[in-house]
N, C-alpha and C. Protein backbone atom coordinates (compact mmCIF):
# COMPACT_ATOMS: atom_id res chain seq x y z
N MET A 1 -1.09 -2.88 -17.36
CA MET A 1 -1.54 -2.23 -16.14
C MET A 1 -1.87 -0.78 -16.48
N ASN A 2 -3.11 -0.40 -16.22
CA ASN A 2 -3.57 0.97 -16.45
C ASN A 2 -3.86 1.59 -15.08
N THR A 3 -2.94 2.39 -14.57
CA THR A 3 -3.08 2.91 -13.21
C THR A 3 -4.31 3.79 -13.06
N ARG A 4 -4.69 4.53 -14.08
CA ARG A 4 -5.88 5.39 -13.98
C ARG A 4 -7.14 4.53 -13.83
N GLU A 5 -7.23 3.50 -14.63
CA GLU A 5 -8.37 2.58 -14.57
C GLU A 5 -8.38 1.84 -13.23
N ASP A 6 -7.22 1.40 -12.78
CA ASP A 6 -7.12 0.71 -11.48
C ASP A 6 -7.50 1.65 -10.35
N PHE A 7 -7.06 2.91 -10.43
CA PHE A 7 -7.42 3.87 -9.39
C PHE A 7 -8.93 4.12 -9.38
N ASP A 8 -9.54 4.27 -10.53
CA ASP A 8 -10.98 4.52 -10.59
C ASP A 8 -11.76 3.37 -9.96
N LYS A 9 -11.32 2.14 -10.21
CA LYS A 9 -11.96 0.97 -9.59
C LYS A 9 -11.76 0.99 -8.07
N PHE A 10 -10.54 1.30 -7.65
CA PHE A 10 -10.23 1.38 -6.22
C PHE A 10 -11.07 2.47 -5.55
N ASP A 11 -11.14 3.62 -6.18
CA ASP A 11 -11.86 4.77 -5.64
C ASP A 11 -13.34 4.47 -5.40
N LYS A 12 -13.92 3.67 -6.25
CA LYS A 12 -15.33 3.32 -6.16
C LYS A 12 -15.66 2.62 -4.84
N TYR A 13 -14.72 1.86 -4.31
CA TYR A 13 -14.94 1.06 -3.10
C TYR A 13 -14.29 1.66 -1.86
N HIS A 14 -13.77 2.85 -1.97
CA HIS A 14 -13.04 3.45 -0.85
C HIS A 14 -13.46 4.89 -0.63
N LYS A 15 -14.57 5.08 0.07
CA LYS A 15 -15.09 6.41 0.35
C LYS A 15 -15.00 6.76 1.84
N ASN A 16 -14.97 5.75 2.68
CA ASN A 16 -14.96 5.96 4.13
C ASN A 16 -13.56 6.38 4.57
N LYS A 17 -13.46 7.56 5.20
CA LYS A 17 -12.13 8.08 5.56
C LYS A 17 -11.43 7.24 6.62
N TYR A 18 -12.20 6.59 7.50
CA TYR A 18 -11.58 5.73 8.52
C TYR A 18 -11.00 4.47 7.87
N ASN A 19 -11.73 3.94 6.91
CA ASN A 19 -11.24 2.78 6.16
C ASN A 19 -9.96 3.17 5.40
N LEU A 20 -9.97 4.32 4.77
CA LEU A 20 -8.79 4.78 4.02
C LEU A 20 -7.60 5.02 4.94
N PHE A 21 -7.85 5.62 6.09
CA PHE A 21 -6.77 5.87 7.05
C PHE A 21 -6.15 4.54 7.49
N PHE A 22 -7.00 3.55 7.74
CA PHE A 22 -6.51 2.22 8.12
C PHE A 22 -5.71 1.61 6.97
N HIS A 23 -6.17 1.79 5.73
CA HIS A 23 -5.43 1.30 4.56
C HIS A 23 -4.04 1.94 4.49
N VAL A 24 -3.97 3.24 4.76
CA VAL A 24 -2.68 3.94 4.70
C VAL A 24 -1.72 3.40 5.75
N ILE A 25 -2.20 3.24 6.97
CA ILE A 25 -1.34 2.72 8.04
C ILE A 25 -0.86 1.30 7.70
N CYS A 26 -1.80 0.45 7.30
CA CYS A 26 -1.42 -0.93 6.92
C CYS A 26 -0.50 -0.92 5.71
N GLY A 27 -0.75 -0.03 4.76
CA GLY A 27 0.09 0.06 3.57
C GLY A 27 1.53 0.41 3.91
N PHE A 28 1.70 1.38 4.79
CA PHE A 28 3.07 1.73 5.20
C PHE A 28 3.72 0.56 5.94
N CYS A 29 2.95 -0.14 6.76
CA CYS A 29 3.52 -1.27 7.51
C CYS A 29 3.89 -2.42 6.59
N PHE A 30 3.01 -2.79 5.64
CA PHE A 30 3.36 -3.93 4.80
C PHE A 30 4.44 -3.58 3.79
N MET A 31 4.47 -2.35 3.32
CA MET A 31 5.54 -1.97 2.39
C MET A 31 6.89 -1.90 3.12
N THR A 32 6.87 -1.41 4.35
CA THR A 32 8.11 -1.38 5.14
C THR A 32 8.62 -2.80 5.35
N SER A 33 7.72 -3.71 5.71
CA SER A 33 8.11 -5.11 5.90
C SER A 33 8.67 -5.70 4.61
N LEU A 34 8.02 -5.39 3.51
CA LEU A 34 8.48 -5.89 2.21
C LEU A 34 9.89 -5.39 1.90
N PHE A 35 10.12 -4.10 2.12
CA PHE A 35 11.44 -3.54 1.80
C PHE A 35 12.50 -3.96 2.81
N LEU A 36 12.11 -4.32 4.01
CA LEU A 36 13.08 -4.88 4.96
C LEU A 36 13.51 -6.28 4.50
N LEU A 37 12.64 -6.95 3.75
CA LEU A 37 12.98 -8.27 3.21
C LEU A 37 13.90 -8.18 1.99
N THR A 38 13.91 -7.03 1.35
CA THR A 38 14.69 -6.87 0.12
C THR A 38 15.87 -5.93 0.39
N ASN A 39 16.50 -5.48 -0.67
CA ASN A 39 17.61 -4.53 -0.50
C ASN A 39 17.16 -3.10 -0.80
N ASP A 40 18.04 -2.15 -0.58
CA ASP A 40 17.69 -0.74 -0.75
C ASP A 40 17.33 -0.37 -2.18
N LEU A 41 17.86 -1.10 -3.13
CA LEU A 41 17.57 -0.81 -4.53
C LEU A 41 16.08 -0.95 -4.84
N MET A 42 15.42 -1.88 -4.18
CA MET A 42 13.99 -2.10 -4.43
C MET A 42 13.16 -0.87 -4.02
N LEU A 43 13.54 -0.19 -2.96
CA LEU A 43 12.84 1.03 -2.56
C LEU A 43 13.02 2.12 -3.61
N ILE A 44 14.21 2.23 -4.14
CA ILE A 44 14.49 3.23 -5.19
C ILE A 44 13.67 2.92 -6.44
N ILE A 45 13.62 1.65 -6.82
CA ILE A 45 12.84 1.25 -8.00
C ILE A 45 11.36 1.54 -7.76
N TYR A 46 10.86 1.23 -6.57
CA TYR A 46 9.46 1.49 -6.23
C TYR A 46 9.17 3.00 -6.31
N ALA A 47 10.05 3.79 -5.75
CA ALA A 47 9.87 5.25 -5.77
C ALA A 47 9.84 5.76 -7.21
N LEU A 48 10.75 5.28 -8.04
CA LEU A 48 10.77 5.70 -9.45
C LEU A 48 9.49 5.28 -10.17
N LEU A 49 9.02 4.08 -9.90
CA LEU A 49 7.78 3.61 -10.50
C LEU A 49 6.61 4.53 -10.12
N LEU A 50 6.53 4.89 -8.85
CA LEU A 50 5.45 5.78 -8.41
C LEU A 50 5.59 7.16 -9.03
N PHE A 51 6.80 7.70 -9.08
CA PHE A 51 7.00 9.02 -9.68
C PHE A 51 6.61 9.02 -11.16
N LEU A 52 6.81 7.90 -11.84
CA LEU A 52 6.50 7.81 -13.26
C LEU A 52 5.02 7.53 -13.54
N THR A 53 4.32 6.92 -12.59
CA THR A 53 2.95 6.49 -12.86
C THR A 53 1.87 7.24 -12.08
N ILE A 54 2.25 7.97 -11.06
CA ILE A 54 1.28 8.74 -10.27
C ILE A 54 1.43 10.20 -10.67
N GLY A 55 0.34 10.81 -11.09
CA GLY A 55 0.39 12.18 -11.60
C GLY A 55 0.80 13.23 -10.58
N ASP A 56 0.33 13.09 -9.36
CA ASP A 56 0.60 14.07 -8.31
C ASP A 56 1.90 13.70 -7.60
N LEU A 57 2.94 14.51 -7.74
CA LEU A 57 4.26 14.19 -7.18
C LEU A 57 4.29 14.23 -5.65
N LYS A 58 3.29 14.89 -5.04
CA LYS A 58 3.25 14.95 -3.57
C LYS A 58 3.07 13.55 -2.97
N VAL A 59 2.23 12.74 -3.60
CA VAL A 59 1.94 11.41 -3.06
C VAL A 59 3.18 10.51 -3.08
N PRO A 60 3.87 10.34 -4.23
CA PRO A 60 5.08 9.51 -4.20
C PRO A 60 6.17 10.08 -3.28
N SER A 61 6.29 11.40 -3.23
CA SER A 61 7.30 12.01 -2.34
C SER A 61 7.00 11.69 -0.89
N PHE A 62 5.74 11.84 -0.49
CA PHE A 62 5.32 11.54 0.88
C PHE A 62 5.58 10.06 1.19
N ILE A 63 5.20 9.19 0.28
CA ILE A 63 5.39 7.75 0.49
C ILE A 63 6.88 7.43 0.64
N PHE A 64 7.70 7.96 -0.24
CA PHE A 64 9.13 7.67 -0.18
C PHE A 64 9.75 8.15 1.13
N ILE A 65 9.41 9.35 1.56
CA ILE A 65 9.98 9.90 2.80
C ILE A 65 9.58 9.06 4.00
N VAL A 66 8.29 8.70 4.08
CA VAL A 66 7.83 7.91 5.23
C VAL A 66 8.44 6.51 5.20
N LEU A 67 8.42 5.86 4.03
CA LEU A 67 9.01 4.51 3.95
C LEU A 67 10.50 4.52 4.26
N PHE A 68 11.21 5.48 3.71
CA PHE A 68 12.65 5.59 3.96
C PHE A 68 12.91 5.74 5.47
N THR A 69 12.13 6.58 6.12
CA THR A 69 12.29 6.79 7.56
C THR A 69 11.96 5.53 8.34
N MET A 70 10.83 4.90 8.03
CA MET A 70 10.43 3.70 8.76
C MET A 70 11.44 2.57 8.57
N ILE A 71 11.88 2.38 7.35
CA ILE A 71 12.85 1.32 7.07
C ILE A 71 14.14 1.54 7.85
N ASN A 72 14.63 2.77 7.84
CA ASN A 72 15.88 3.06 8.55
C ASN A 72 15.73 2.96 10.06
N LEU A 73 14.57 3.29 10.58
CA LEU A 73 14.34 3.12 12.03
C LEU A 73 14.27 1.64 12.41
N LEU A 74 13.60 0.85 11.59
CA LEU A 74 13.42 -0.56 11.92
C LEU A 74 14.62 -1.43 11.58
N ARG A 75 15.52 -0.94 10.76
CA ARG A 75 16.74 -1.70 10.44
C ARG A 75 17.61 -1.90 11.67
N ASN A 76 17.45 -1.05 12.67
CA ASN A 76 18.24 -1.17 13.89
C ASN A 76 17.85 -2.39 14.71
N TYR A 77 16.69 -2.98 14.40
CA TYR A 77 16.22 -4.16 15.13
C TYR A 77 16.51 -5.39 14.28
N ASP A 78 16.82 -6.45 14.95
CA ASP A 78 17.20 -7.67 14.26
C ASP A 78 15.99 -8.60 14.10
N PHE A 79 15.07 -8.22 13.20
CA PHE A 79 13.89 -9.04 12.94
C PHE A 79 14.30 -10.21 12.05
N SER A 80 13.76 -11.36 12.34
CA SER A 80 14.03 -12.52 11.49
C SER A 80 13.26 -12.38 10.18
N THR A 81 13.69 -13.12 9.20
CA THR A 81 13.00 -13.13 7.90
C THR A 81 11.56 -13.59 8.09
N LYS A 82 11.35 -14.57 8.94
CA LYS A 82 10.00 -15.07 9.21
C LYS A 82 9.11 -13.97 9.79
N THR A 83 9.64 -13.18 10.71
CA THR A 83 8.89 -12.08 11.31
C THR A 83 8.54 -11.02 10.28
N LYS A 84 9.49 -10.69 9.43
CA LYS A 84 9.25 -9.69 8.38
C LYS A 84 8.18 -10.18 7.41
N LEU A 85 8.27 -11.45 7.04
CA LEU A 85 7.29 -12.02 6.11
C LEU A 85 5.90 -12.08 6.75
N LEU A 86 5.83 -12.50 7.98
CA LEU A 86 4.55 -12.55 8.70
C LEU A 86 3.95 -11.16 8.84
N SER A 87 4.78 -10.18 9.12
CA SER A 87 4.34 -8.80 9.23
C SER A 87 3.79 -8.31 7.88
N PHE A 88 4.51 -8.61 6.81
CA PHE A 88 4.05 -8.23 5.47
C PHE A 88 2.68 -8.83 5.20
N LEU A 89 2.52 -10.13 5.40
CA LEU A 89 1.25 -10.79 5.10
C LEU A 89 0.10 -10.29 5.98
N THR A 90 0.38 -10.08 7.24
CA THR A 90 -0.65 -9.59 8.16
C THR A 90 -1.15 -8.22 7.73
N PHE A 91 -0.23 -7.29 7.53
CA PHE A 91 -0.64 -5.93 7.17
C PHE A 91 -1.15 -5.83 5.73
N TYR A 92 -0.81 -6.80 4.90
CA TYR A 92 -1.33 -6.82 3.53
C TYR A 92 -2.81 -7.20 3.52
N PHE A 93 -3.20 -8.16 4.37
CA PHE A 93 -4.58 -8.64 4.38
C PHE A 93 -5.50 -7.86 5.34
N LEU A 94 -4.95 -7.15 6.30
CA LEU A 94 -5.78 -6.40 7.25
C LEU A 94 -6.70 -5.35 6.63
N PRO A 95 -6.29 -4.62 5.60
CA PRO A 95 -7.19 -3.61 5.04
C PRO A 95 -8.55 -4.15 4.58
N ASP A 96 -8.60 -5.40 4.13
CA ASP A 96 -9.91 -5.94 3.75
C ASP A 96 -10.82 -6.09 4.95
N LEU A 97 -10.25 -6.37 6.09
CA LEU A 97 -11.05 -6.47 7.32
C LEU A 97 -11.69 -5.13 7.66
N SER A 98 -11.00 -4.05 7.39
CA SER A 98 -11.55 -2.73 7.73
C SER A 98 -12.80 -2.40 6.92
N HIS A 99 -12.96 -3.03 5.76
CA HIS A 99 -14.19 -2.82 4.98
C HIS A 99 -15.41 -3.34 5.76
N TYR A 100 -15.23 -4.45 6.43
CA TYR A 100 -16.33 -5.02 7.21
C TYR A 100 -16.61 -4.16 8.45
N LEU A 101 -15.57 -3.64 9.05
CA LEU A 101 -15.74 -2.83 10.26
C LEU A 101 -16.38 -1.47 9.96
N THR A 102 -16.19 -0.97 8.74
CA THR A 102 -16.75 0.33 8.36
C THR A 102 -17.98 0.19 7.46
N ASN A 103 -18.43 -1.04 7.26
CA ASN A 103 -19.59 -1.32 6.39
C ASN A 103 -19.44 -0.77 4.99
N GLU A 104 -18.22 -0.79 4.50
CA GLU A 104 -17.96 -0.34 3.14
C GLU A 104 -17.74 -1.57 2.27
N PRO A 105 -18.35 -1.59 1.08
CA PRO A 105 -18.17 -2.78 0.22
C PRO A 105 -16.70 -3.00 -0.12
N THR A 106 -16.32 -4.24 -0.22
CA THR A 106 -14.95 -4.58 -0.56
C THR A 106 -14.84 -4.90 -2.04
N MET A 107 -13.71 -4.59 -2.61
CA MET A 107 -13.51 -4.91 -4.02
C MET A 107 -12.88 -6.28 -4.19
N LEU A 108 -12.64 -6.97 -3.06
CA LEU A 108 -12.04 -8.30 -3.09
C LEU A 108 -13.04 -9.30 -3.67
N ASN A 109 -12.64 -9.94 -4.73
CA ASN A 109 -13.44 -10.97 -5.36
C ASN A 109 -12.49 -12.10 -5.73
N ILE A 110 -12.62 -13.20 -5.05
CA ILE A 110 -11.68 -14.31 -5.22
C ILE A 110 -11.57 -14.75 -6.69
N SER A 111 -12.67 -14.70 -7.42
CA SER A 111 -12.64 -15.16 -8.81
C SER A 111 -11.87 -14.20 -9.72
N ASP A 112 -11.67 -12.95 -9.27
CA ASP A 112 -10.96 -11.95 -10.09
C ASP A 112 -9.47 -11.85 -9.77
N ILE A 113 -9.00 -12.62 -8.81
CA ILE A 113 -7.60 -12.49 -8.40
C ILE A 113 -6.69 -13.15 -9.42
N THR A 114 -5.72 -12.36 -9.88
CA THR A 114 -4.70 -12.83 -10.81
C THR A 114 -3.34 -12.40 -10.27
N PRO A 115 -2.26 -12.96 -10.76
CA PRO A 115 -0.94 -12.48 -10.32
C PRO A 115 -0.76 -10.97 -10.56
N LEU A 116 -1.29 -10.47 -11.69
CA LEU A 116 -1.17 -9.05 -11.98
C LEU A 116 -1.98 -8.21 -10.99
N SER A 117 -3.17 -8.68 -10.60
CA SER A 117 -3.99 -7.91 -9.66
C SER A 117 -3.34 -7.88 -8.27
N VAL A 118 -2.70 -8.98 -7.87
CA VAL A 118 -1.99 -9.01 -6.59
C VAL A 118 -0.80 -8.06 -6.64
N PHE A 119 -0.05 -8.11 -7.73
CA PHE A 119 1.10 -7.24 -7.93
C PHE A 119 0.68 -5.77 -7.89
N THR A 120 -0.39 -5.44 -8.60
CA THR A 120 -0.91 -4.07 -8.64
C THR A 120 -1.37 -3.64 -7.25
N ASN A 121 -2.04 -4.55 -6.55
CA ASN A 121 -2.52 -4.22 -5.21
C ASN A 121 -1.36 -3.94 -4.26
N ILE A 122 -0.31 -4.72 -4.35
CA ILE A 122 0.85 -4.50 -3.49
C ILE A 122 1.49 -3.14 -3.80
N LEU A 123 1.69 -2.86 -5.07
CA LEU A 123 2.38 -1.63 -5.45
C LEU A 123 1.54 -0.37 -5.24
N TYR A 124 0.24 -0.46 -5.47
CA TYR A 124 -0.58 0.75 -5.53
C TYR A 124 -1.59 0.92 -4.41
N LEU A 125 -1.72 -0.05 -3.49
CA LEU A 125 -2.67 0.14 -2.39
C LEU A 125 -2.34 1.41 -1.62
N LEU A 126 -1.11 1.62 -1.33
CA LEU A 126 -0.68 2.79 -0.56
C LEU A 126 -0.91 4.10 -1.30
N PRO A 127 -0.41 4.28 -2.52
CA PRO A 127 -0.66 5.56 -3.20
C PRO A 127 -2.14 5.80 -3.51
N PHE A 128 -2.88 4.75 -3.85
CA PHE A 128 -4.30 4.93 -4.11
C PHE A 128 -5.04 5.32 -2.83
N SER A 129 -4.69 4.69 -1.71
CA SER A 129 -5.33 5.01 -0.43
C SER A 129 -5.05 6.45 -0.03
N ILE A 130 -3.80 6.88 -0.17
CA ILE A 130 -3.43 8.25 0.19
C ILE A 130 -4.15 9.24 -0.72
N THR A 131 -4.20 8.97 -2.01
CA THR A 131 -4.89 9.85 -2.95
C THR A 131 -6.36 9.97 -2.60
N CYS A 132 -7.01 8.86 -2.31
CA CYS A 132 -8.44 8.89 -1.93
C CYS A 132 -8.64 9.62 -0.61
N LEU A 133 -7.73 9.43 0.33
CA LEU A 133 -7.83 10.09 1.63
C LEU A 133 -7.68 11.61 1.47
N PHE A 134 -6.72 12.06 0.68
CA PHE A 134 -6.55 13.49 0.42
C PHE A 134 -7.77 14.07 -0.28
N LYS A 135 -8.34 13.28 -1.18
CA LYS A 135 -9.50 13.72 -1.94
C LYS A 135 -10.74 13.87 -1.04
N SER A 136 -10.85 12.98 -0.03
CA SER A 136 -12.03 13.02 0.84
C SER A 136 -11.93 14.08 1.93
N SER A 137 -10.73 14.61 2.13
CA SER A 137 -10.54 15.62 3.21
C SER A 137 -10.99 16.99 2.78
């Protein structure tokens, strides 16, 4: 996994600020759902991974603070595992829909999907979206 190369590919298809904003919101929602399905250690591991692989420390710090806050707020509610999983899947796939709404080309290509590309997309959609959004502002 080459995060710089992956980011450059992501950046090529993400220029519309409304599309990016939608990606950020969905990214926080699906990552929150994912971490509600797991234990607290997974959030720490994710934060460490971002701190080690993303050059700008502001982005991982911002992500960690928002996710930590959202997770702790939503832990007070007794969501079923099915609800958390459905929420994760819904917010994971919604960003591709925003490409059609904003007339921005999508990088989704069914023939290019691999387990590694799905894994990378889950881990880096949020930091890549935030980085592109900051860059476009």
